[in-house]
PDB file of N, CA and C in Angstrom:
ATOM      1  N   MET A   1       8.574  -7.142 -18.758  1.00  0.00           N
ATOM      2  CA  MET A   1       7.307  -7.955 -17.627  1.00  0.00           C
ATOM      3  C   MET A   1       6.416  -7.980 -19.315  1.00  0.00           C
ATOM      4  N   THR A   2       5.806  -8.876 -18.887  1.00  0.00           N
ATOM      5  CA  THR A   2       4.720  -9.098 -19.760  1.00  0.00           C
ATOM      6  C   THR A   2       3.674  -8.039 -18.627  1.00  0.00           C
ATOM      7  N   HIS A   3       2.483  -7.947 -19.498  1.00  0.00           N
ATOM      8  CA  HIS A   3       0.993  -7.223 -19.186  1.00  0.00           C
ATOM      9  C   HIS A   3       0.873  -8.298 -17.844  1.00  0.00           C
ATOM     10  N   ILE A   4       0.322  -9.257 -17.520  1.00  0.00           N
ATOM     11  CA  ILE A   4       0.045 -10.130 -17.010  1.00  0.00           C
ATOM     12  C   ILE A   4       0.894  -9.995 -16.067  1.00  0.00           C
ATOM     13  N   SER A   5       2.185 -10.335 -15.675  1.00  0.00           N
ATOM     14  CA  SER A   5       3.086 -10.390 -14.323  1.00  0.00           C
ATOM     15  C   SER A   5       3.347  -8.374 -13.639  1.00  0.00           C
ATOM     16  N   TYR A   6       2.563  -7.909 -14.774  1.00  0.00           N
ATOM     17  CA  TYR A   6       2.617  -6.713 -14.248  1.00  0.00           C
ATOM     18  C   TYR A   6       1.549  -6.123 -13.395  1.00  0.00           C
ATOM     19  N   ILE A   7       1.004  -6.750 -13.687  1.00  0.00           N
ATOM     20  CA  ILE A   7      -0.190  -6.836 -13.011  1.00  0.00           C
ATOM     21  C   ILE A   7      -0.288  -7.959 -11.377  1.00  0.00           C
ATOM     22  N   ASP A   8       0.288  -9.269 -11.586  1.00  0.00           N
ATOM     23  CA  ASP A   8       0.562  -9.683 -10.262  1.00  0.00           C
ATOM     24  C   ASP A   8       1.606  -9.325  -9.567  1.00  0.00           C
ATOM     25  N   HIS A   9       2.794  -8.352 -10.016  1.00  0.00           N
ATOM     26  CA  HIS A   9       3.431  -7.754  -9.178  1.00  0.00           C
ATOM     27  C   HIS A   9       2.923  -7.051  -8.533  1.00  0.00           C
ATOM     28  N   LEU A  10       2.166  -6.074  -8.893  1.00  0.00           N
ATOM     29  CA  LEU A  10       1.506  -4.845  -8.178  1.00  0.00           C
ATOM     30  C   LEU A  10       0.841  -5.175  -7.503  1.00  0.00           C
ATOM     31  N   ASN A  11      -0.121  -6.972  -7.289  1.00  0.00           N
ATOM     32  CA  ASN A  11      -1.215  -7.595  -6.347  1.00  0.00           C
ATOM     33  C   ASN A  11      -0.620  -7.747  -5.241  1.00  0.00           C
ATOM     34  N   GLN A  12       0.185  -8.182  -5.863  1.00  0.00           N
ATOM     35  CA  GLN A  12       1.548  -9.071  -5.295  1.00  0.00           C
ATOM     36  C   GLN A  12       1.497  -8.163  -4.295  1.00  0.00           C
ATOM     37  N   ARG A  13       2.599  -7.229  -3.986  1.00  0.00           N
ATOM     38  CA  ARG A  13       2.786  -5.940  -3.911  1.00  0.00           C
ATOM     39  C   ARG A  13       1.940  -5.138  -2.613  1.00  0.00           C
ATOM     40  N   LEU A  14       0.509  -5.044  -2.734  1.00  0.00           N
ATOM     41  CA  LEU A  14      -0.540  -4.644  -2.599  1.00  0.00           C
ATOM     42  C   LEU A  14      -1.010  -5.253  -1.033  1.00  0.00           C
ATOM     43  N   GLY A  15      -0.441  -6.420  -1.397  1.00  0.00           N
ATOM     44  CA  GLY A  15      -1.290  -7.555  -0.319  1.00  0.00           C
ATOM     45  C   GLY A  15       0.064  -7.296   0.325  1.00  0.00           C
ATOM     46  N   ALA A  16       1.144  -7.581   0.119  1.00  0.00           N
ATOM     47  CA  ALA A  16       2.445  -7.321   1.541  1.00  0.00           C
ATOM     48  C   ALA A  16       2.042  -5.969   2.192  1.00  0.00           C
ATOM     49  N   ILE A  17       1.683  -5.039   1.385  1.00  0.00           N
ATOM     50  CA  ILE A  17       1.289  -4.066   2.208  1.00  0.00           C
ATOM     51  C   ILE A  17       0.204  -3.838   3.376  1.00  0.00           C
ATOM     52  N   GLU A  18      -0.623  -4.635   2.953  1.00  0.00           N
ATOM     53  CA  GLU A  18      -2.244  -5.059   3.684  1.00  0.00           C
ATOM     54  C   GLU A  18      -1.471  -5.575   4.338  1.00  0.00           C
ATOM     55  N   SER A  19      -0.872  -6.881   4.519  1.00  0.00           N
ATOM     56  CA  SER A  19      -0.727  -7.197   5.622  1.00  0.00           C
ATOM     57  C   SER A  19       0.041  -7.021   6.586  1.00  0.00           C
ATOM     58  N   ALA A  20       1.039  -6.121   6.407  1.00  0.00           N
ATOM     59  CA  ALA A  20       1.605  -5.548   7.041  1.00  0.00           C
ATOM     60  C   ALA A  20       1.323  -4.078   7.433  1.00  0.00           C
ATOM     61  N   LEU A  21       0.200  -4.084   7.020  1.00  0.00           N
ATOM     62  CA  LEU A  21      -1.090  -2.744   7.890  1.00  0.00           C
ATOM     63  C   LEU A  21      -1.989  -3.201   8.838  1.00  0.00           C
ATOM     64  N   GLU A  22      -1.888  -4.471   8.663  1.00  0.00           N
ATOM     65  CA  GLU A  22      -3.408  -5.111   9.536  1.00  0.00           C
ATOM     66  C   GLU A  22      -1.789  -5.499  10.501  1.00  0.00           C
ATOM     67  N   ARG A  23      -1.233  -6.442  10.603  1.00  0.00           N
ATOM     68  CA  ARG A  23      -0.171  -6.297  11.689  1.00  0.00           C
ATOM     69  C   ARG A  23       0.295  -5.252  12.540  1.00  0.00           C
ATOM     70  N   GLU A  24       0.138  -3.872  11.599  1.00  0.00           N
ATOM     71  CA  GLU A  24       0.526  -2.874  12.321  1.00  0.00           C
ATOM     72  C   GLU A  24      -0.429  -2.483  13.781  1.00  0.00           C
ATOM     73  N   ARG A  25      -1.735  -2.752  12.515  1.00  0.00           N
ATOM     74  CA  ARG A  25      -2.806  -2.447  13.096  1.00  0.00           C
ATOM     75  C   ARG A  25      -3.256  -3.051  14.863  1.00  0.00           C
ATOM     76  N   ASP A  26      -3.123  -4.470  14.911  1.00  0.00           N
ATOM     77  CA  ASP A  26      -3.232  -5.389  15.363  1.00  0.00           C
ATOM     78  C   ASP A  26      -1.785  -5.161  16.898  1.00  0.00           C
ATOM     79  N   ARG A  27      -0.386  -4.340  16.536  1.00  0.00           N
ATOM     80  CA  ARG A  27       0.106  -3.966  17.416  1.00  0.00           C
ATOM     81  C   ARG A  27      -0.370  -2.545  18.314  1.00  0.00           C
ATOM     82  N   LEU A  28      -1.017  -2.093  17.128  1.00  0.00           N
ATOM     83  CA  LEU A  28      -1.025  -0.600  17.943  1.00  0.00           C
ATOM     84  C   LEU A  28      -2.046  -1.064  19.386  1.00  0.00           C
ATOM     85  N   ASP A  29      -3.001  -1.961  18.827  1.00  0.00           N
ATOM     86  CA  ASP A  29      -4.217  -1.951  19.927  1.00  0.00           C
ATOM     87  C   ASP A  29      -3.496  -2.028  21.036  1.00  0.00           C
ATOM     88  N   ALA A  30      -3.167  -2.813  21.258  1.00  0.00           N
ATOM     89  CA  ALA A  30      -1.908  -3.327  22.159  1.00  0.00           C
ATOM     90  C   ALA A  30      -1.375  -2.490  22.641  1.00  0.00           C
ATOM     91  N   ALA A  31      -1.539  -1.416  22.174  1.00  0.00           N
ATOM     92  CA  ALA A  31      -0.419  -0.652  22.739  1.00  0.00           C
ATOM     93  C   ALA A  31      -0.407   0.913  23.886  1.00  0.00           C
ATOM     94  N   PRO A  32      -0.092   1.267  24.525  1.00  0.00           N
ATOM     95  CA  PRO A  32      -0.406   2.133  25.281  1.00  0.00           C
ATOM     96  C   PRO A  32      -1.202   3.354  25.008  1.00  0.00           C
ATOM     97  N   LEU A  33      -2.714   3.848  25.484  1.00  0.00           N
ATOM     98  CA  LEU A  33      -3.078   5.255  24.682  1.00  0.00           C
ATOM     99  C   LEU A  33      -1.988   6.431  24.027  1.00  0.00           C
ATOM    100  N   GLU A  34      -1.011   6.758  24.773  1.00  0.00           N
ATOM    101  CA  GLU A  34      -0.226   7.637  24.569  1.00  0.00           C
ATOM    102  C   GLU A  34       0.409   7.083  22.712  1.00  0.00           C
ATOM    103  N   ASP A  35       0.668   6.158  23.119  1.00  0.00           N
ATOM    104  CA  ASP A  35       1.406   5.511  21.591  1.00  0.00           C
ATOM    105  C   ASP A  35       0.511   5.879  20.433  1.00  0.00           C
ATOM    106  N   LYS A  36      -1.373   5.741  20.556  1.00  0.00           N
ATOM    107  CA  LYS A  36      -1.822   4.638  19.658  1.00  0.00           C
ATOM    108  C   LYS A  36      -2.628   6.695  18.583  1.00  0.00           C
ATOM    109  N   VAL A  37      -2.398   7.414  19.894  1.00  0.00           N
ATOM    110  CA  VAL A  37      -3.068   8.831  19.069  1.00  0.00           C
ATOM    111  C   VAL A  37      -2.203   9.361  17.329  1.00  0.00           C
ATOM    112  N   GLU A  38      -1.259   9.159  17.769  1.00  0.00           N
ATOM    113  CA  GLU A  38      -0.402   9.791  16.305  1.00  0.00           C
ATOM    114  C   GLU A  38      -0.203   8.458  15.331  1.00  0.00           C
ATOM    115  N   ALA A  39       0.105   7.949  16.605  1.00  0.00           N
ATOM    116  CA  ALA A  39       0.365   6.632  15.279  1.00  0.00           C
ATOM    117  C   ALA A  39      -1.175   5.949  14.396  1.00  0.00           C
ATOM    118  N   LEU A  40      -2.315   5.948  14.811  1.00  0.00           N
ATOM    119  CA  LEU A  40      -2.634   5.174  14.095  1.00  0.00           C
ATOM    120  C   LEU A  40      -3.500   6.460  13.300  1.00  0.00           C
ATOM    121  N   THR A  41      -3.088   7.658  13.411  1.00  0.00           N
ATOM    122  CA  THR A  41      -3.866   8.718  12.421  1.00  0.00           C
ATOM    123  C   THR A  41      -2.903   8.171  10.871  1.00  0.00           C
ATOM    124  N   SER A  42      -1.244   8.379  11.225  1.00  0.00           N
ATOM    125  CA  SER A  42      -0.271   7.941  10.337  1.00  0.00           C
ATOM    126  C   SER A  42      -0.730   6.514   9.659  1.00  0.00           C
ATOM    127  N   LEU A  43      -1.182   5.631  10.172  1.00  0.00           N
ATOM    128  CA  LEU A  43      -1.934   4.106   9.850  1.00  0.00           C
ATOM    129  C   LEU A  43      -2.974   4.367   8.855  1.00  0.00           C
ATOM    130  N   SER A  44      -3.913   4.750   9.631  1.00  0.00           N
ATOM    131  CA  SER A  44      -5.291   5.656   8.406  1.00  0.00           C
ATOM    132  C   SER A  44      -4.781   5.863   7.472  1.00  0.00           C
ATOM    133  N   HIS A  45      -3.957   6.845   7.120  1.00  0.00           N
ATOM    134  CA  HIS A  45      -3.874   7.764   5.849  1.00  0.00           C
ATOM    135  C   HIS A  45      -2.769   6.684   5.336  1.00  0.00           C
ATOM    136  N   LEU A  46      -1.907   5.696   5.705  1.00  0.00           N
ATOM    137  CA  LEU A  46      -1.241   4.900   4.824  1.00  0.00           C
ATOM    138  C   LEU A  46      -2.538   3.598   4.528  1.00  0.00           C
ATOM    139  N   GLN A  47      -3.105   3.532   5.287  1.00  0.00           N
ATOM    140  CA  GLN A  47      -4.488   2.215   4.562  1.00  0.00           C
ATOM    141  C   GLN A  47      -5.214   3.462   3.399  1.00  0.00           C
ATOM    142  N   GLN A  48      -5.384   4.587   3.543  1.00  0.00           N
ATOM    143  CA  GLN A  48      -6.603   4.993   2.680  1.00  0.00           C
ATOM    144  C   GLN A  48      -5.300   5.489   1.189  1.00  0.00           C
ATOM    145  N   ARG A  49      -4.429   5.767   0.958  1.00  0.00           N
ATOM    146  CA  ARG A  49      -3.023   5.602   0.035  1.00  0.00           C
ATOM    147  C   ARG A  49      -3.126   3.911  -0.542  1.00  0.00           C
ATOM    148  N   HIS A  50      -3.040   3.247   0.362  1.00  0.00           N
ATOM    149  CA  HIS A  50      -3.322   1.846   0.088  1.00  0.00           C
ATOM    150  C   HIS A  50      -4.343   1.674  -1.240  1.00  0.00           C
ATOM    151  N   LYS A  51      -5.831   1.923  -0.443  1.00  0.00           N
ATOM    152  CA  LYS A  51      -7.657   1.793  -0.820  1.00  0.00           C
ATOM    153  C   LYS A  51      -7.104   2.610  -2.477  1.00  0.00           C
ATOM    154  N   THR A  52      -6.258   3.183  -2.563  1.00  0.00           N
ATOM    155  CA  THR A  52      -6.082   4.625  -3.258  1.00  0.00           C
ATOM    156  C   THR A  52      -5.715   3.775  -4.662  1.00  0.00           C
ATOM    157  N   VAL A  53      -4.554   3.642  -4.064  1.00  0.00           N
ATOM    158  CA  VAL A  53      -3.790   2.748  -5.350  1.00  0.00           C
ATOM    159  C   VAL A  53      -4.535   1.215  -5.456  1.00  0.00           C
ATOM    160  N   GLN A  54      -5.421   0.692  -4.893  1.00  0.00           N
ATOM    161  CA  GLN A  54      -6.329  -0.548  -5.119  1.00  0.00           C
ATOM    162  C   GLN A  54      -6.934  -0.404  -6.350  1.00  0.00           C
ATOM    163  N   ASP A  55      -7.744   0.887  -6.023  1.00  0.00           N
ATOM    164  CA  ASP A  55      -8.616   1.363  -6.248  1.00  0.00           C
ATOM    165  C   ASP A  55      -8.198   1.796  -7.859  1.00  0.00           C
ATOM    166  N   ARG A  56      -7.237   3.014  -8.398  1.00  0.00           N
ATOM    167  CA  ARG A  56      -6.733   3.231  -9.446  1.00  0.00           C
ATOM    168  C   ARG A  56      -6.280   1.804 -10.210  1.00  0.00           C
ATOM    169  N   LEU A  57      -5.832   0.937  -9.706  1.00  0.00           N
ATOM    170  CA  LEU A  57      -5.415  -0.431 -10.182  1.00  0.00           C
ATOM    171  C   LEU A  57      -6.063  -1.257 -10.629  1.00  0.00           C
ATOM    172  N   CYS A  58      -7.306  -1.308 -10.344  1.00  0.00           N
ATOM    173  CA  CYS A  58      -8.700  -1.793 -10.172  1.00  0.00           C
ATOM    174  C   CYS A  58      -9.342  -1.253 -12.226  1.00  0.00           C
ATOM    175  N   LYS A  59      -9.246   0.344 -11.690  1.00  0.00           N
ATOM    176  CA  LYS A  59      -9.864   0.856 -13.079  1.00  0.00           C
ATOM    177  C   LYS A  59      -8.933   0.915 -14.788  1.00  0.00           C
ATOM    178  N   ALA A  60      -7.871   1.677 -14.188  1.00  0.00           N
ATOM    179  CA  ALA A  60      -7.096   0.458 -15.007  1.00  0.00           C
ATOM    180  C   ALA A  60      -6.507  -0.697 -15.620  1.00  0.00           C
ATOM    181  N   GLN A  61      -7.058  -1.394 -14.521  1.00  0.00           N
ATOM    182  CA  GLN A  61      -6.916  -2.404 -15.465  1.00  0.00           C
ATOM    183  C   GLN A  61      -8.290  -2.874 -16.832  1.00  0.00           C
ATOM    184  N   ARG A  62      -9.803  -2.696 -15.688  1.00  0.00           N
ATOM    185  CA  ARG A  62     -10.880  -2.254 -16.411  1.00  0.00           C
ATOM    186  C   ARG A  62     -10.763  -1.851 -17.604  1.00  0.00           C
ATOM    187  N   ASN A  63      -9.839  -1.116 -17.485  1.00  0.00           N
ATOM    188  CA  ASN A  63      -9.992   0.445 -18.629  1.00  0.00           C
ATOM    189  C   ASN A  63      -8.506  -0.446 -19.694  1.00  0.00           C
ATOM    190  N   HIS A  64      -7.917  -1.823 -19.552  1.00  0.00           N
ATOM    191  CA  HIS A  64      -6.749  -2.144 -20.805  1.00  0.00           C
ATOM    192  C   HIS A  64      -5.929  -1.098 -21.110  1.00  0.00           C
ATOM    193  N   ALA A  65      -5.297  -0.649 -19.830  1.00  0.00           N
ATOM    194  CA  ALA A  65      -4.235  -0.053 -19.287  1.00  0.00           C
ATOM    195  C   ALA A  65      -2.916  -0.349 -20.988  1.00  0.00           C
ATOM    196  N   GLU A  66      -2.429   0.792 -21.930  1.00  0.00           N
ATOM    197  CA  GLU A  66      -2.329   0.165 -22.753  1.00  0.00           C
ATOM    198  C   GLU A  66      -0.464   0.795 -22.398  1.00  0.00           C
ATOM    199  N   THR A  67      -0.076   1.707 -22.013  1.00  0.00           N
ATOM    200  CA  THR A  67       1.237   1.751 -21.362  1.00  0.00           C
ATOM    201  C   THR A  67       1.618   0.856 -20.123  1.00  0.00           C
ATOM    202  N   TRP A  68       1.480  -0.755 -19.780  1.00  0.00           N
ATOM    203  CA  TRP A  68       1.874  -1.218 -18.562  1.00  0.00           C
ATOM    204  C   TRP A  68       3.031  -0.799 -17.886  1.00  0.00           C
ATOM    205  N   SER A  69       4.010  -1.080 -18.574  1.00  0.00           N
ATOM    206  CA  SER A  69       5.368  -1.093 -18.732  1.00  0.00           C
ATOM    207  C   SER A  69       5.543   0.894 -17.865  1.00  0.00           C
ATOM    208  N   ASP A  70       4.233   1.674 -18.267  1.00  0.00           N
ATOM    209  CA  ASP A  70       4.618   3.086 -17.945  1.00  0.00           C
ATOM    210  C   ASP A  70       3.703   3.178 -16.243  1.00  0.00           C
ATOM    211  N   ALA A  71       3.111   2.581 -16.264  1.00  0.00           N
ATOM    212  CA  ALA A  71       1.895   2.850 -15.395  1.00  0.00           C
ATOM    213  C   ALA A  71       2.345   1.599 -14.610  1.00  0.00           C
ATOM    214  N   HIS A  72       3.242   0.509 -14.617  1.00  0.00           N
ATOM    215  CA  HIS A  72       3.608  -0.458 -13.859  1.00  0.00           C
ATOM    216  C   HIS A  72       4.934   0.125 -13.122  1.00  0.00           C
ATOM    217  N   ALA A  73       5.213   1.458 -13.230  1.00  0.00           N
ATOM    218  CA  ALA A  73       6.573   2.204 -12.413  1.00  0.00           C
ATOM    219  C   ALA A  73       5.536   3.264 -11.699  1.00  0.00           C
ATOM    220  N   GLY A  74       4.690   3.747 -12.384  1.00  0.00           N
ATOM    221  CA  GLY A  74       4.105   5.003 -11.138  1.00  0.00           C
ATOM    222  C   GLY A  74       3.572   4.126  -9.983  1.00  0.00           C
ATOM    223  N   PHE A  75       2.553   3.148 -10.264  1.00  0.00           N
ATOM    224  CA  PHE A  75       2.218   2.116  -9.626  1.00  0.00           C
ATOM    225  C   PHE A  75       3.068   1.526  -8.822  1.00  0.00           C
ATOM    226  N   ARG A  76       4.423   1.171  -8.921  1.00  0.00           N
ATOM    227  CA  ARG A  76       5.591   0.528  -8.032  1.00  0.00           C
ATOM    228  C   ARG A  76       5.921   1.452  -7.382  1.00  0.00           C
ATOM    229  N   GLU A  77       6.271   3.055  -7.772  1.00  0.00           N
ATOM    230  CA  GLU A  77       7.023   4.484  -6.803  1.00  0.00           C
ATOM    231  C   GLU A  77       5.681   4.556  -6.181  1.00  0.00           C
ATOM    232  N   GLU A  78       4.141   4.532  -5.595  1.00  0.00           N
ATOM    233  CA  GLU A  78       3.364   5.110  -5.039  1.00  0.00           C
ATOM    234  C   GLU A  78       3.022   3.449  -3.829  1.00  0.00           C
ATOM    235  N   LEU A  79       3.396   2.296  -4.050  1.00  0.00           N
ATOM    236  CA  LEU A  79       3.631   1.401  -3.318  1.00  0.00           C
ATOM    237  C   LEU A  79       4.680   1.654  -2.359  1.00  0.00           C
ATOM    238  N   ASP A  80       6.228   1.453  -3.778  1.00  0.00           N
ATOM    239  CA  ASP A  80       7.382   1.996  -2.542  1.00  0.00           C
ATOM    240  C   ASP A  80       7.119   3.280  -1.443  1.00  0.00           C
ATOM    241  N   GLY A  81       6.495   4.045  -1.506  1.00  0.00           N
ATOM    242  CA  GLY A  81       6.698   5.386  -0.947  1.00  0.00           C
ATOM    243  C   GLY A  81       5.612   4.299   0.032  1.00  0.00           C
ATOM    244  N   ILE A  82       4.689   3.495  -0.219  1.00  0.00           N
ATOM    245  CA  ILE A  82       3.605   3.537   0.750  1.00  0.00           C
ATOM    246  C   ILE A  82       4.757   2.471   2.241  1.00  0.00           C
ATOM    247  N   ALA A  83       5.176   1.925   1.228  1.00  0.00           N
ATOM    248  CA  ALA A  83       5.788   0.648   2.404  1.00  0.00           C
ATOM    249  C   ALA A  83       7.194   1.061   3.138  1.00  0.00           C
ATOM    250  N   ASP A  84       7.962   1.930   2.335  1.00  0.00           N
ATOM    251  CA  ASP A  84       8.343   3.325   3.137  1.00  0.00           C
ATOM    252  C   ASP A  84       7.926   4.157   4.657  1.00  0.00           C
ATOM    253  N   SER A  85       7.015   4.376   4.292  1.00  0.00           N
ATOM    254  CA  SER A  85       6.194   5.533   5.395  1.00  0.00           C
ATOM    255  C   SER A  85       5.978   4.106   6.189  1.00  0.00           C
ATOM    256  N   LEU A  86       5.638   2.978   6.186  1.00  0.00           N
ATOM    257  CA  LEU A  86       4.912   1.770   7.057  1.00  0.00           C
ATOM    258  C   LEU A  86       5.926   2.091   7.898  1.00  0.00           C
ATOM    259  N   GLU A  87       7.214   1.389   7.128  1.00  0.00           N
ATOM    260  CA  GLU A  87       8.824   0.733   7.365  1.00  0.00           C
ATOM    261  C   GLU A  87       9.107   2.204   8.693  1.00  0.00           C
ATOM    262  N   ARG A  88       8.715   3.218   8.381  1.00  0.00           N
ATOM    263  CA  ARG A  88       9.373   4.359   9.053  1.00  0.00           C
ATOM    264  C   ARG A  88       8.530   4.644  10.444  1.00  0.00           C
ATOM    265  N   LEU A  89       7.259   3.975  10.097  1.00  0.00           N
ATOM    266  CA  LEU A  89       5.931   4.407  11.578  1.00  0.00           C
ATOM    267  C   LEU A  89       6.316   2.995  12.089  1.00  0.00           C
ATOM    268  N   LEU A  90       6.326   1.713  11.809  1.00  0.00           N
ATOM    269  CA  LEU A  90       7.238   0.434  12.527  1.00  0.00           C
ATOM    270  C   LEU A  90       8.243   1.355  13.919  1.00  0.00           C
ATOM    271  N   THR A  91       9.843   1.908  12.871  1.00  0.00           N
ATOM    272  CA  THR A  91      10.327   1.881  13.763  1.00  0.00           C
ATOM    273  C   THR A  91      10.118   3.126  14.422  1.00  0.00           C
ATOM    274  N   LYS A  92       9.481   3.971  15.023  1.00  0.00           N
ATOM    275  CA  LYS A  92       9.355   4.808  16.213  1.00  0.00           C
ATOM    276  C   LYS A  92       9.376   4.342  17.307  1.00  0.00           C
TER     277      LYS A  92
END
């Protein structure tokens, strides 16, 4: 994978996760109050993790990360973790 396609892949994953987070927040807005507290806490944590990865990716791009293959793997693992956590939240 080239440097550009690594970045594109990560940005696509970030976008997909952001969309899923927004859908879950919308779903929770209509949920009964007793279901909201724990789910909103988990969702907020996932949104913060997403923002952290997004910020780190921007910083890596600005710094012209030289080992994009390694960086891509690390970012991909973090995004997989967020996506897996979100999936568990959705199936509760």
